[in-house]
Amino acid sequence: MCLQDFFFFSGAFDRTLVEMTEPEPKRDPEDRTETDLMDPDEPPSCSSLTTNQLQQNLRAMKKRERPIRLLFEIPTTRIIEDVLTKYVVYEVVVMRSGSFDSRRSSVERRYSDFSRFHHKLLEEFNEELEDVVLPRKLLSGNFCLELISERRLGLQDYLAKLYAVRCVRHSPRFPEFFTGPEQKRAHGLLRGGQFRLAVDQLQTVLEVQEKLLPWQNPTLIVPTLSALAVCYRDLEEPEQAFTAAQRALAPTRRYGLKRYRASLLDLLVDLGYQLGRPVAQLQEELTVLRDAERGEVSSRSLKELVVQEFT
């Protein structure tokens, strides 16, 4: 059997199986799959593959074609006791379903953080959240281990139900809950010159934002990558700074984020010279941008933009 016949036979066999089983549920147009999030390389020529390799490729493709979902888990809690206060913090783990995402990004939140988040959402989506209930506030017994465990599971279920509401998972308030405190902490450290500590916070923010990105504005990660570029530069790590700035530039170009584009290009040109990289195209792009939009393009450095982000 020639390889072309194999493909035809495999396709016909798969279609027969589908007809013999229950029809596959209709896919939500907004659903993303692992294949959607990948940048596929040019597939190898059919003539270069053996029958076994073709079968393996078909199985791999079917495995990748699974809708991407966000999963939330609250595996642990801890009680923090200060001089004047005592409270419980919940570790919130964010994962994307699918075999390609094995990283577990986590942040810590108090019940009061959940409560503020819920009330902000109700201001915009009161009708849509009619059936989504935040676990009630306890008037006593807050530090009873049994009640803490019960609330932990309740909050985990609450996040899953929130994610199931389309308008909520697409709202800017959704990633803000998972990254807002860490972003503010990172920018405070950055302004204080504590760049290494700021990088640790920003990496956590970036990991969570990347998981939320399929349901958010594609420019969501630009401020975080820009802040990382600034930190790495001040830490005298030009390679990491160049990589972060380069990643930030791509969505900035594509989606017309003028506020950052010129500053990112300026930093990349400077770092490129330092690293011995070719910078002629970047320099030309910066010149054209400034000539075309004279007076509209920011002349501030990337560091100035980043520092002002949360002031």
C-alpha atoms as a PDB file:
ATOM      1  CA  MET A   1       0.000   0.000   0.000  1.00  0.00           C
ATOM      2  CA  CYS A   2       1.431   3.388  -0.916  1.00  0.00           C
ATOM      3  CA  LEU A   3       1.520   6.152   1.691  1.00  0.00           C
ATOM      4  CA  GLN A   4      -1.162   8.194  -0.061  1.00  0.00           C
ATOM      5  CA  ASP A   5      -3.498   5.167   0.101  1.00  0.00           C
ATOM      6  CA  PHE A   6      -2.613   4.820   3.800  1.00  0.00           C
ATOM      7  CA  PHE A   7      -3.721   8.366   4.520  1.00  0.00           C
ATOM      8  CA  PHE A   8      -6.952   7.827   2.580  1.00  0.00           C
ATOM      9  CA  PHE A   9      -7.645   4.543   4.350  1.00  0.00           C
ATOM     10  CA  SER A  10      -6.849   6.015   7.791  1.00  0.00           C
ATOM     11  CA  GLY A  11      -9.142   8.955   7.196  1.00  0.00           C
ATOM     12  CA  ALA A  12     -11.960   6.718   5.986  1.00  0.00           C
ATOM     13  CA  PHE A  13     -11.480   4.385   8.960  1.00  0.00           C
ATOM     14  CA  ASP A  14     -11.595   7.308  11.416  1.00  0.00           C
ATOM     15  CA  ARG A  15     -14.783   8.638   9.802  1.00  0.00           C
ATOM     16  CA  THR A  16     -16.380   5.176  10.079  1.00  0.00           C
ATOM     17  CA  LEU A  17     -15.549   5.073  13.801  1.00  0.00           C
ATOM     18  CA  VAL A  18     -17.101   8.481  14.329  1.00  0.00           C
ATOM     19  CA  GLU A  19     -20.296   7.427  12.549  1.00  0.00           C
ATOM     20  CA  MET A  20     -20.535   4.284  14.682  1.00  0.00           C
ATOM     21  CA  THR A  21     -20.203   6.170  17.951  1.00  0.00           C
ATOM     22  CA  GLU A  22     -22.061   9.077  19.484  1.00  0.00           C
ATOM     23  CA  PRO A  23     -21.463  12.364  17.663  1.00  0.00           C
ATOM     24  CA  GLU A  24     -18.752  14.548  19.168  1.00  0.00           C
ATOM     25  CA  PRO A  25     -20.129  17.506  21.163  1.00  0.00           C
ATOM     26  CA  LYS A  26     -20.167  20.741  19.202  1.00  0.00           C
ATOM     27  CA  ARG A  27     -17.053  22.751  20.005  1.00  0.00           C
ATOM     28  CA  ASP A  28     -17.384  26.265  21.356  1.00  0.00           C
ATOM     29  CA  PRO A  29     -15.803  28.623  18.773  1.00  0.00           C
ATOM     30  CA  GLU A  30     -13.781  30.272  21.529  1.00  0.00           C
ATOM     31  CA  ASP A  31     -12.240  26.985  22.690  1.00  0.00           C
ATOM     32  CA  ARG A  32      -8.542  26.717  22.047  1.00  0.00           C
ATOM     33  CA  THR A  33      -6.638  23.477  21.665  1.00  0.00           C
ATOM     34  CA  GLU A  34      -3.024  22.646  22.251  1.00  0.00           C
ATOM     35  CA  THR A  35      -2.541  22.600  18.486  1.00  0.00           C
ATOM     36  CA  ASP A  36      -4.011  26.110  18.267  1.00  0.00           C
ATOM     37  CA  LEU A  37      -1.388  27.363  20.722  1.00  0.00           C
ATOM     38  CA  MET A  38       1.533  25.765  18.919  1.00  0.00           C
ATOM     39  CA  ASP A  39       3.554  27.148  16.041  1.00  0.00           C
ATOM     40  CA  PRO A  40       3.569  24.094  13.766  1.00  0.00           C
ATOM     41  CA  ASP A  41       6.707  23.413  11.807  1.00  0.00           C
ATOM     42  CA  GLU A  42       6.559  22.219   8.232  1.00  0.00           C
ATOM     43  CA  PRO A  43       5.546  18.537   8.470  1.00  0.00           C
ATOM     44  CA  PRO A  44       7.939  15.971   7.102  1.00  0.00           C
ATOM     45  CA  SER A  45       7.286  14.672   3.623  1.00  0.00           C
ATOM     46  CA  CYS A  46       5.000  11.632   3.588  1.00  0.00           C
ATOM     47  CA  SER A  47       7.523   9.747   1.483  1.00  0.00           C
ATOM     48  CA  SER A  48      10.078   9.955   4.319  1.00  0.00           C
ATOM     49  CA  LEU A  49       7.849   8.318   6.952  1.00  0.00           C
ATOM     50  CA  THR A  50       7.324   4.662   7.707  1.00  0.00           C
ATOM     51  CA  THR A  51       3.892   3.199   8.413  1.00  0.00           C
ATOM     52  CA  ASN A  52       4.734   3.045  12.134  1.00  0.00           C
ATOM     53  CA  GLN A  53       5.778   6.713  12.137  1.00  0.00           C
ATOM     54  CA  LEU A  54       2.554   7.693  10.382  1.00  0.00           C
ATOM     55  CA  GLN A  55       0.510   5.864  12.999  1.00  0.00           C
ATOM     56  CA  GLN A  56       2.458   7.562  15.792  1.00  0.00           C
ATOM     57  CA  ASN A  57       1.897  10.968  14.183  1.00  0.00           C
ATOM     58  CA  LEU A  58      -1.835  10.339  13.895  1.00  0.00           C
ATOM     59  CA  ARG A  59      -2.052   9.359  17.565  1.00  0.00           C
ATOM     60  CA  ALA A  60      -0.026  12.420  18.567  1.00  0.00           C
ATOM     61  CA  MET A  61      -2.292  14.740  16.570  1.00  0.00           C
ATOM     62  CA  LYS A  62      -5.411  13.305  18.202  1.00  0.00           C
ATOM     63  CA  LYS A  63      -3.814  13.692  21.631  1.00  0.00           C
ATOM     64  CA  ARG A  64      -3.026  17.356  20.955  1.00  0.00           C
ATOM     65  CA  GLU A  65      -6.508  18.131  19.639  1.00  0.00           C
ATOM     66  CA  ARG A  66      -8.002  18.612  23.101  1.00  0.00           C
ATOM     67  CA  PRO A  67      -9.736  21.833  24.143  1.00  0.00           C
ATOM     68  CA  ILE A  68      -7.690  23.988  26.479  1.00  0.00           C
ATOM     69  CA  ARG A  69      -9.275  24.605  29.860  1.00  0.00           C
ATOM     70  CA  LEU A  70      -8.119  26.384  32.978  1.00  0.00           C
ATOM     71  CA  LEU A  71      -7.984  24.291  36.124  1.00  0.00           C
ATOM     72  CA  PHE A  72      -7.877  25.681  39.638  1.00  0.00           C
ATOM     73  CA  GLU A  73      -6.779  23.900  42.754  1.00  0.00           C
ATOM     74  CA  ILE A  74      -6.366  25.057  46.346  1.00  0.00           C
ATOM     75  CA  PRO A  75      -4.195  22.271  47.775  1.00  0.00           C
ATOM     76  CA  THR A  76      -2.903  23.940  50.932  1.00  0.00           C
ATOM     77  CA  THR A  77      -3.661  26.619  53.484  1.00  0.00           C
ATOM     78  CA  ARG A  78      -1.673  28.216  56.260  1.00  0.00           C
ATOM     79  CA  ILE A  79      -2.479  30.398  59.234  1.00  0.00           C
ATOM     80  CA  ILE A  80      -0.497  33.604  59.571  1.00  0.00           C
ATOM     81  CA  GLU A  81      -0.401  35.293  62.940  1.00  0.00           C
ATOM     82  CA  ASP A  82       1.045  38.779  63.335  1.00  0.00           C
ATOM     83  CA  VAL A  83       1.147  40.989  66.388  1.00  0.00           C
ATOM     84  CA  LEU A  84      -2.282  42.479  65.698  1.00  0.00           C
ATOM     85  CA  THR A  85      -3.865  40.114  63.164  1.00  0.00           C
ATOM     86  CA  LYS A  86      -4.411  36.455  62.456  1.00  0.00           C
ATOM     87  CA  TYR A  87      -5.686  35.139  59.156  1.00  0.00           C
ATOM     88  CA  VAL A  88      -5.696  32.196  56.736  1.00  0.00           C
ATOM     89  CA  VAL A  89      -4.064  32.272  53.304  1.00  0.00           C
ATOM     90  CA  TYR A  90      -5.001  29.857  50.534  1.00  0.00           C
ATOM     91  CA  GLU A  91      -2.559  28.625  47.908  1.00  0.00           C
ATOM     92  CA  VAL A  92      -4.297  28.960  44.522  1.00  0.00           C
ATOM     93  CA  VAL A  93      -2.753  26.824  41.777  1.00  0.00           C
ATOM     94  CA  VAL A  94      -3.515  27.674  38.139  1.00  0.00           C
ATOM     95  CA  MET A  95      -3.001  25.076  35.414  1.00  0.00           C
ATOM     96  CA  ARG A  96      -4.022  24.649  31.817  1.00  0.00           C
ATOM     97  CA  SER A  97      -5.405  21.260  30.878  1.00  0.00           C
ATOM     98  CA  GLY A  98      -3.404  19.267  28.388  1.00  0.00           C
ATOM     99  CA  SER A  99      -0.221  17.251  28.485  1.00  0.00           C
ATOM    100  CA  PHE A 100       1.942  20.111  27.204  1.00  0.00           C
ATOM    101  CA  ASP A 101       1.470  22.263  30.327  1.00  0.00           C
ATOM    102  CA  SER A 102       3.090  20.587  33.311  1.00  0.00           C
ATOM    103  CA  ARG A 103       3.852  23.820  35.218  1.00  0.00           C
ATOM    104  CA  ARG A 104       1.813  24.598  38.307  1.00  0.00           C
ATOM    105  CA  SER A 105       1.800  28.335  38.935  1.00  0.00           C
ATOM    106  CA  SER A 106       0.494  29.402  42.316  1.00  0.00           C
ATOM    107  CA  VAL A 107      -0.326  32.525  44.296  1.00  0.00           C
ATOM    108  CA  GLU A 108      -1.628  33.040  47.818  1.00  0.00           C
ATOM    109  CA  ARG A 109      -4.885  34.815  48.608  1.00  0.00           C
ATOM    110  CA  ARG A 110      -6.888  35.579  51.739  1.00  0.00           C
ATOM    111  CA  TYR A 111     -10.646  35.184  51.992  1.00  0.00           C
ATOM    112  CA  SER A 112     -10.920  38.978  51.954  1.00  0.00           C
ATOM    113  CA  ASP A 113      -9.220  38.980  48.514  1.00  0.00           C
ATOM    114  CA  PHE A 114     -11.860  36.582  47.199  1.00  0.00           C
ATOM    115  CA  SER A 115     -14.595  38.735  48.721  1.00  0.00           C
ATOM    116  CA  ARG A 116     -13.345  41.964  47.102  1.00  0.00           C
ATOM    117  CA  PHE A 117     -12.951  40.164  43.784  1.00  0.00           C
ATOM    118  CA  HIS A 118     -16.500  38.809  43.965  1.00  0.00           C
ATOM    119  CA  HIS A 119     -18.053  42.180  44.728  1.00  0.00           C
ATOM    120  CA  LYS A 120     -16.164  43.836  41.855  1.00  0.00           C
ATOM    121  CA  LEU A 121     -17.470  41.173  39.486  1.00  0.00           C
ATOM    122  CA  LEU A 122     -21.019  41.645  40.760  1.00  0.00           C
ATOM    123  CA  GLU A 123     -20.816  45.325  39.803  1.00  0.00           C
ATOM    124  CA  GLU A 124     -20.424  44.280  36.156  1.00  0.00           C
ATOM    125  CA  PHE A 125     -21.975  40.826  35.895  1.00  0.00           C
ATOM    126  CA  ASN A 126     -24.680  40.660  38.539  1.00  0.00           C
ATOM    127  CA  GLU A 127     -27.163  38.728  36.384  1.00  0.00           C
ATOM    128  CA  GLU A 128     -24.556  36.373  34.932  1.00  0.00           C
ATOM    129  CA  LEU A 129     -23.327  35.467  38.430  1.00  0.00           C
ATOM    130  CA  GLU A 130     -26.757  34.752  39.861  1.00  0.00           C
ATOM    131  CA  ASP A 131     -25.863  31.083  40.419  1.00  0.00           C
ATOM    132  CA  VAL A 132     -22.234  31.633  41.455  1.00  0.00           C
ATOM    133  CA  VAL A 133     -22.040  31.976  45.212  1.00  0.00           C
ATOM    134  CA  LEU A 134     -18.963  32.850  47.231  1.00  0.00           C
ATOM    135  CA  PRO A 135     -18.594  30.681  50.364  1.00  0.00           C
ATOM    136  CA  ARG A 136     -20.059  32.653  53.245  1.00  0.00           C
ATOM    137  CA  LYS A 137     -17.984  34.577  55.751  1.00  0.00           C
ATOM    138  CA  LEU A 138     -17.718  32.898  59.128  1.00  0.00           C
ATOM    139  CA  LEU A 139     -18.404  34.887  62.273  1.00  0.00           C
ATOM    140  CA  SER A 140     -16.601  32.376  64.477  1.00  0.00           C
ATOM    141  CA  GLY A 141     -14.455  29.286  64.157  1.00  0.00           C
ATOM    142  CA  ASN A 142     -12.384  30.770  61.328  1.00  0.00           C
ATOM    143  CA  PHE A 143      -9.277  28.895  62.455  1.00  0.00           C
ATOM    144  CA  CYS A 144     -10.902  25.502  62.997  1.00  0.00           C
ATOM    145  CA  LEU A 145      -9.034  23.115  60.685  1.00  0.00           C
ATOM    146  CA  GLU A 146     -12.226  21.344  59.630  1.00  0.00           C
ATOM    147  CA  LEU A 147     -13.888  24.639  58.634  1.00  0.00           C
ATOM    148  CA  ILE A 148     -10.723  25.838  56.863  1.00  0.00           C
ATOM    149  CA  SER A 149     -10.700  22.633  54.794  1.00  0.00           C
ATOM    150  CA  GLU A 150     -14.390  23.057  53.979  1.00  0.00           C
ATOM    151  CA  ARG A 151     -13.863  26.643  52.878  1.00  0.00           C
ATOM    152  CA  ARG A 152     -10.790  25.647  50.852  1.00  0.00           C
ATOM    153  CA  LEU A 153     -12.881  23.257  48.777  1.00  0.00           C
ATOM    154  CA  GLY A 154     -15.665  25.816  48.510  1.00  0.00           C
ATOM    155  CA  LEU A 155     -13.308  28.472  47.136  1.00  0.00           C
ATOM    156  CA  GLN A 156     -11.849  25.990  44.685  1.00  0.00           C
ATOM    157  CA  ASP A 157     -15.343  25.195  43.401  1.00  0.00           C
ATOM    158  CA  TYR A 158     -16.115  28.938  43.274  1.00  0.00           C
ATOM    159  CA  LEU A 159     -13.177  29.604  40.912  1.00  0.00           C
ATOM    160  CA  ALA A 160     -14.236  26.753  38.635  1.00  0.00           C
ATOM    161  CA  LYS A 161     -17.769  28.161  38.414  1.00  0.00           C
ATOM    162  CA  LEU A 162     -16.444  31.658  37.714  1.00  0.00           C
ATOM    163  CA  TYR A 163     -14.314  30.349  34.882  1.00  0.00           C
ATOM    164  CA  ALA A 164     -17.377  28.646  33.390  1.00  0.00           C
ATOM    165  CA  VAL A 165     -19.007  32.085  32.900  1.00  0.00           C
ATOM    166  CA  ARG A 166     -17.760  33.344  29.532  1.00  0.00           C
ATOM    167  CA  CYS A 167     -17.944  37.080  30.254  1.00  0.00           C
ATOM    168  CA  VAL A 168     -16.018  36.615  33.513  1.00  0.00           C
ATOM    169  CA  ARG A 169     -13.102  34.655  32.086  1.00  0.00           C
ATOM    170  CA  HIS A 170     -12.744  37.283  29.350  1.00  0.00           C
ATOM    171  CA  SER A 171     -12.915  40.178  31.807  1.00  0.00           C
ATOM    172  CA  PRO A 172      -9.695  42.065  32.729  1.00  0.00           C
ATOM    173  CA  ARG A 173     -10.713  41.619  36.362  1.00  0.00           C
ATOM    174  CA  PHE A 174     -10.087  37.878  36.080  1.00  0.00           C
ATOM    175  CA  PRO A 175      -6.279  38.023  35.592  1.00  0.00           C
ATOM    176  CA  GLU A 176      -6.130  41.006  37.949  1.00  0.00           C
ATOM    177  CA  PHE A 177      -7.241  38.773  40.827  1.00  0.00           C
ATOM    178  CA  PHE A 178      -4.452  36.267  40.153  1.00  0.00           C
ATOM    179  CA  THR A 179      -1.630  38.730  39.474  1.00  0.00           C
ATOM    180  CA  GLY A 180      -2.527  42.179  40.860  1.00  0.00           C
ATOM    181  CA  PRO A 181      -0.866  41.949  44.305  1.00  0.00           C
ATOM    182  CA  GLU A 182       2.297  40.381  42.864  1.00  0.00           C
ATOM    183  CA  GLN A 183       2.500  43.055  40.158  1.00  0.00           C
ATOM    184  CA  LYS A 184       2.247  45.863  42.695  1.00  0.00           C
ATOM    185  CA  ARG A 185       4.806  44.190  44.924  1.00  0.00           C
ATOM    186  CA  ALA A 186       7.187  43.723  41.982  1.00  0.00           C
ATOM    187  CA  HIS A 187       6.936  47.335  40.878  1.00  0.00           C
ATOM    188  CA  GLY A 188       7.500  48.514  44.439  1.00  0.00           C
ATOM    189  CA  LEU A 189      10.680  46.427  44.545  1.00  0.00           C
ATOM    190  CA  LEU A 190      11.717  47.721  41.138  1.00  0.00           C
ATOM    191  CA  ARG A 191      11.290  51.350  42.193  1.00  0.00           C
ATOM    192  CA  GLY A 192      13.331  50.559  45.315  1.00  0.00           C
ATOM    193  CA  GLY A 193      16.168  49.123  43.235  1.00  0.00           C
ATOM    194  CA  GLN A 194      15.631  45.549  44.486  1.00  0.00           C
ATOM    195  CA  PHE A 195      15.728  44.106  40.998  1.00  0.00           C
ATOM    196  CA  ARG A 196      16.423  40.459  41.837  1.00  0.00           C
ATOM    197  CA  LEU A 197      13.437  40.255  44.186  1.00  0.00           C
ATOM    198  CA  ALA A 198      11.348  42.066  41.583  1.00  0.00           C
ATOM    199  CA  VAL A 199      12.313  39.475  38.950  1.00  0.00           C
ATOM    200  CA  ASP A 200      11.076  36.644  41.205  1.00  0.00           C
ATOM    201  CA  GLN A 201       7.677  38.317  41.556  1.00  0.00           C
ATOM    202  CA  LEU A 202       7.455  39.197  37.856  1.00  0.00           C
ATOM    203  CA  GLN A 203       8.244  35.635  36.797  1.00  0.00           C
ATOM    204  CA  THR A 204       5.315  34.400  38.891  1.00  0.00           C
ATOM    205  CA  VAL A 205       3.067  37.028  37.304  1.00  0.00           C
ATOM    206  CA  LEU A 206       4.222  36.094  33.803  1.00  0.00           C
ATOM    207  CA  GLU A 207       3.626  32.372  34.336  1.00  0.00           C
ATOM    208  CA  VAL A 208       0.040  32.980  35.449  1.00  0.00           C
ATOM    209  CA  GLN A 209      -0.635  35.524  32.693  1.00  0.00           C
ATOM    210  CA  GLU A 210       0.601  33.107  30.034  1.00  0.00           C
ATOM    211  CA  LYS A 211      -1.926  30.537  31.243  1.00  0.00           C
ATOM    212  CA  LEU A 212      -4.754  33.104  31.119  1.00  0.00           C
ATOM    213  CA  LEU A 213      -3.684  34.592  27.770  1.00  0.00           C
ATOM    214  CA  PRO A 214      -6.028  32.604  25.465  1.00  0.00           C
ATOM    215  CA  TRP A 215      -9.002  34.349  27.077  1.00  0.00           C
ATOM    216  CA  GLN A 216      -7.485  37.810  27.503  1.00  0.00           C
ATOM    217  CA  ASN A 217      -6.137  40.743  25.502  1.00  0.00           C
ATOM    218  CA  PRO A 218      -2.986  39.509  23.696  1.00  0.00           C
ATOM    219  CA  THR A 219      -1.046  42.500  25.077  1.00  0.00           C
ATOM    220  CA  LEU A 220      -1.624  41.355  28.679  1.00  0.00           C
ATOM    221  CA  ILE A 221       1.996  40.223  29.096  1.00  0.00           C
ATOM    222  CA  VAL A 222       3.641  43.331  27.570  1.00  0.00           C
ATOM    223  CA  PRO A 223       3.973  45.362  30.827  1.00  0.00           C
ATOM    224  CA  THR A 224       5.335  42.324  32.689  1.00  0.00           C
ATOM    225  CA  LEU A 225       7.904  41.479  30.010  1.00  0.00           C
ATOM    226  CA  SER A 226       8.896  45.149  29.832  1.00  0.00           C
ATOM    227  CA  ALA A 227       9.443  45.252  33.593  1.00  0.00           C
ATOM    228  CA  LEU A 228      11.540  42.075  33.374  1.00  0.00           C
ATOM    229  CA  ALA A 229      13.649  43.643  30.612  1.00  0.00           C
ATOM    230  CA  VAL A 230      14.288  46.690  32.799  1.00  0.00           C
ATOM    231  CA  CYS A 231      15.244  44.543  35.810  1.00  0.00           C
ATOM    232  CA  TYR A 232      17.586  42.317  33.836  1.00  0.00           C
ATOM    233  CA  ARG A 233      19.264  45.323  32.299  1.00  0.00           C
ATOM    234  CA  ASP A 234      19.901  46.908  35.691  1.00  0.00           C
ATOM    235  CA  LEU A 235      21.168  43.529  36.925  1.00  0.00           C
ATOM    236  CA  GLU A 236      23.650  43.641  34.024  1.00  0.00           C
ATOM    237  CA  GLU A 237      22.151  40.575  32.373  1.00  0.00           C
ATOM    238  CA  PRO A 238      21.770  41.921  28.812  1.00  0.00           C
ATOM    239  CA  GLU A 239      20.944  38.571  27.197  1.00  0.00           C
ATOM    240  CA  GLN A 240      17.893  38.029  29.410  1.00  0.00           C
ATOM    241  CA  ALA A 241      16.913  41.693  29.016  1.00  0.00           C
ATOM    242  CA  PHE A 242      17.094  41.426  25.216  1.00  0.00           C
ATOM    243  CA  THR A 243      15.000  38.243  25.196  1.00  0.00           C
ATOM    244  CA  ALA A 244      12.284  39.753  27.417  1.00  0.00           C
ATOM    245  CA  ALA A 245      12.130  42.977  25.378  1.00  0.00           C
ATOM    246  CA  GLN A 246      12.012  41.019  22.120  1.00  0.00           C
ATOM    247  CA  ARG A 247       9.079  38.950  23.391  1.00  0.00           C
ATOM    248  CA  ALA A 248       7.259  42.112  24.450  1.00  0.00           C
ATOM    249  CA  LEU A 249       7.835  43.779  21.076  1.00  0.00           C
ATOM    250  CA  ALA A 250       5.991  41.101  19.058  1.00  0.00           C
ATOM    251  CA  PRO A 251       2.449  41.723  20.481  1.00  0.00           C
ATOM    252  CA  THR A 252       3.243  45.441  20.705  1.00  0.00           C
ATOM    253  CA  ARG A 253       3.801  45.539  16.944  1.00  0.00           C
ATOM    254  CA  ARG A 254       0.909  43.275  16.095  1.00  0.00           C
ATOM    255  CA  TYR A 255      -1.726  45.018  18.182  1.00  0.00           C
ATOM    256  CA  GLY A 256      -0.493  48.613  17.870  1.00  0.00           C
ATOM    257  CA  LEU A 257       0.474  49.241  21.482  1.00  0.00           C
ATOM    258  CA  LYS A 258       2.135  52.579  20.732  1.00  0.00           C
ATOM    259  CA  ARG A 259       2.849  53.384  24.342  1.00  0.00           C
ATOM    260  CA  TYR A 260       5.554  50.721  24.565  1.00  0.00           C
ATOM    261  CA  ARG A 261       6.777  50.196  21.014  1.00  0.00           C
ATOM    262  CA  ALA A 262       9.304  53.032  20.675  1.00  0.00           C
ATOM    263  CA  SER A 263      10.708  52.475  24.171  1.00  0.00           C
ATOM    264  CA  LEU A 264      11.135  48.749  23.536  1.00  0.00           C
ATOM    265  CA  LEU A 265      12.848  49.396  20.207  1.00  0.00           C
ATOM    266  CA  ASP A 266      15.161  51.934  21.817  1.00  0.00           C
ATOM    267  CA  LEU A 267      16.163  49.434  24.515  1.00  0.00           C
ATOM    268  CA  LEU A 268      16.648  46.630  21.984  1.00  0.00           C
ATOM    269  CA  VAL A 269      18.910  48.775  19.817  1.00  0.00           C
ATOM    270  CA  ASP A 270      21.041  49.680  22.826  1.00  0.00           C
ATOM    271  CA  LEU A 271      21.235  46.081  24.054  1.00  0.00           C
ATOM    272  CA  GLY A 272      21.842  44.829  20.530  1.00  0.00           C
ATOM    273  CA  TYR A 273      24.948  46.980  20.204  1.00  0.00           C
ATOM    274  CA  GLN A 274      26.120  45.732  23.590  1.00  0.00           C
ATOM    275  CA  LEU A 275      25.610  42.086  22.608  1.00  0.00           C
ATOM    276  CA  GLY A 276      26.960  42.455  19.086  1.00  0.00           C
ATOM    277  CA  ARG A 277      23.577  41.682  17.519  1.00  0.00           C
ATOM    278  CA  PRO A 278      22.443  43.108  14.148  1.00  0.00           C
ATOM    279  CA  VAL A 279      20.334  46.154  14.965  1.00  0.00           C
ATOM    280  CA  ALA A 280      19.978  47.920  11.602  1.00  0.00           C
ATOM    281  CA  GLN A 281      16.360  46.811  11.098  1.00  0.00           C
ATOM    282  CA  LEU A 282      15.408  47.736  14.658  1.00  0.00           C
ATOM    283  CA  GLN A 283      17.046  51.144  14.257  1.00  0.00           C
ATOM    284  CA  GLU A 284      15.256  51.726  10.956  1.00  0.00           C
ATOM    285  CA  GLU A 285      11.905  50.703  12.476  1.00  0.00           C
ATOM    286  CA  LEU A 286      12.436  53.133  15.356  1.00  0.00           C
ATOM    287  CA  THR A 287      13.364  55.981  12.996  1.00  0.00           C
ATOM    288  CA  VAL A 288      10.353  55.361  10.743  1.00  0.00           C
ATOM    289  CA  LEU A 289       8.062  55.155  13.751  1.00  0.00           C
ATOM    290  CA  ARG A 290       9.256  58.451  15.189  1.00  0.00           C
ATOM    291  CA  ASP A 291       9.181  60.238  11.804  1.00  0.00           C
ATOM    292  CA  ALA A 292       5.665  58.986  11.002  1.00  0.00           C
ATOM    293  CA  GLU A 293       4.170  59.831  14.377  1.00  0.00           C
ATOM    294  CA  ARG A 294       6.203  62.803  15.461  1.00  0.00           C
ATOM    295  CA  GLY A 295       4.852  64.206  18.697  1.00  0.00           C
ATOM    296  CA  GLU A 296       2.713  61.123  19.340  1.00  0.00           C
ATOM    297  CA  VAL A 297       5.434  58.588  20.056  1.00  0.00           C
ATOM    298  CA  SER A 298       6.635  58.495  23.658  1.00  0.00           C
ATOM    299  CA  SER A 299      10.173  59.721  24.176  1.00  0.00           C
ATOM    300  CA  ARG A 300      10.322  58.221  27.656  1.00  0.00           C
ATOM    301  CA  SER A 301      12.630  55.322  28.401  1.00  0.00           C
ATOM    302  CA  LEU A 302      11.184  51.878  29.044  1.00  0.00           C
ATOM    303  CA  LYS A 303      12.188  52.151  32.683  1.00  0.00           C
ATOM    304  CA  GLU A 304      10.205  55.385  33.065  1.00  0.00           C
ATOM    305  CA  LEU A 305       7.143  53.723  31.538  1.00  0.00           C
ATOM    306  CA  VAL A 306       7.465  50.693  33.801  1.00  0.00           C
ATOM    307  CA  VAL A 307       7.964  52.747  36.966  1.00  0.00           C
ATOM    308  CA  GLN A 308       4.813  54.749  36.187  1.00  0.00           C
ATOM    309  CA  GLU A 309       2.737  51.635  35.510  1.00  0.00           C
ATOM    310  CA  PHE A 310       1.515  51.248  39.104  1.00  0.00           C
ATOM    311  CA  THR A 311       2.052  54.713  40.537  1.00  0.00           C
END
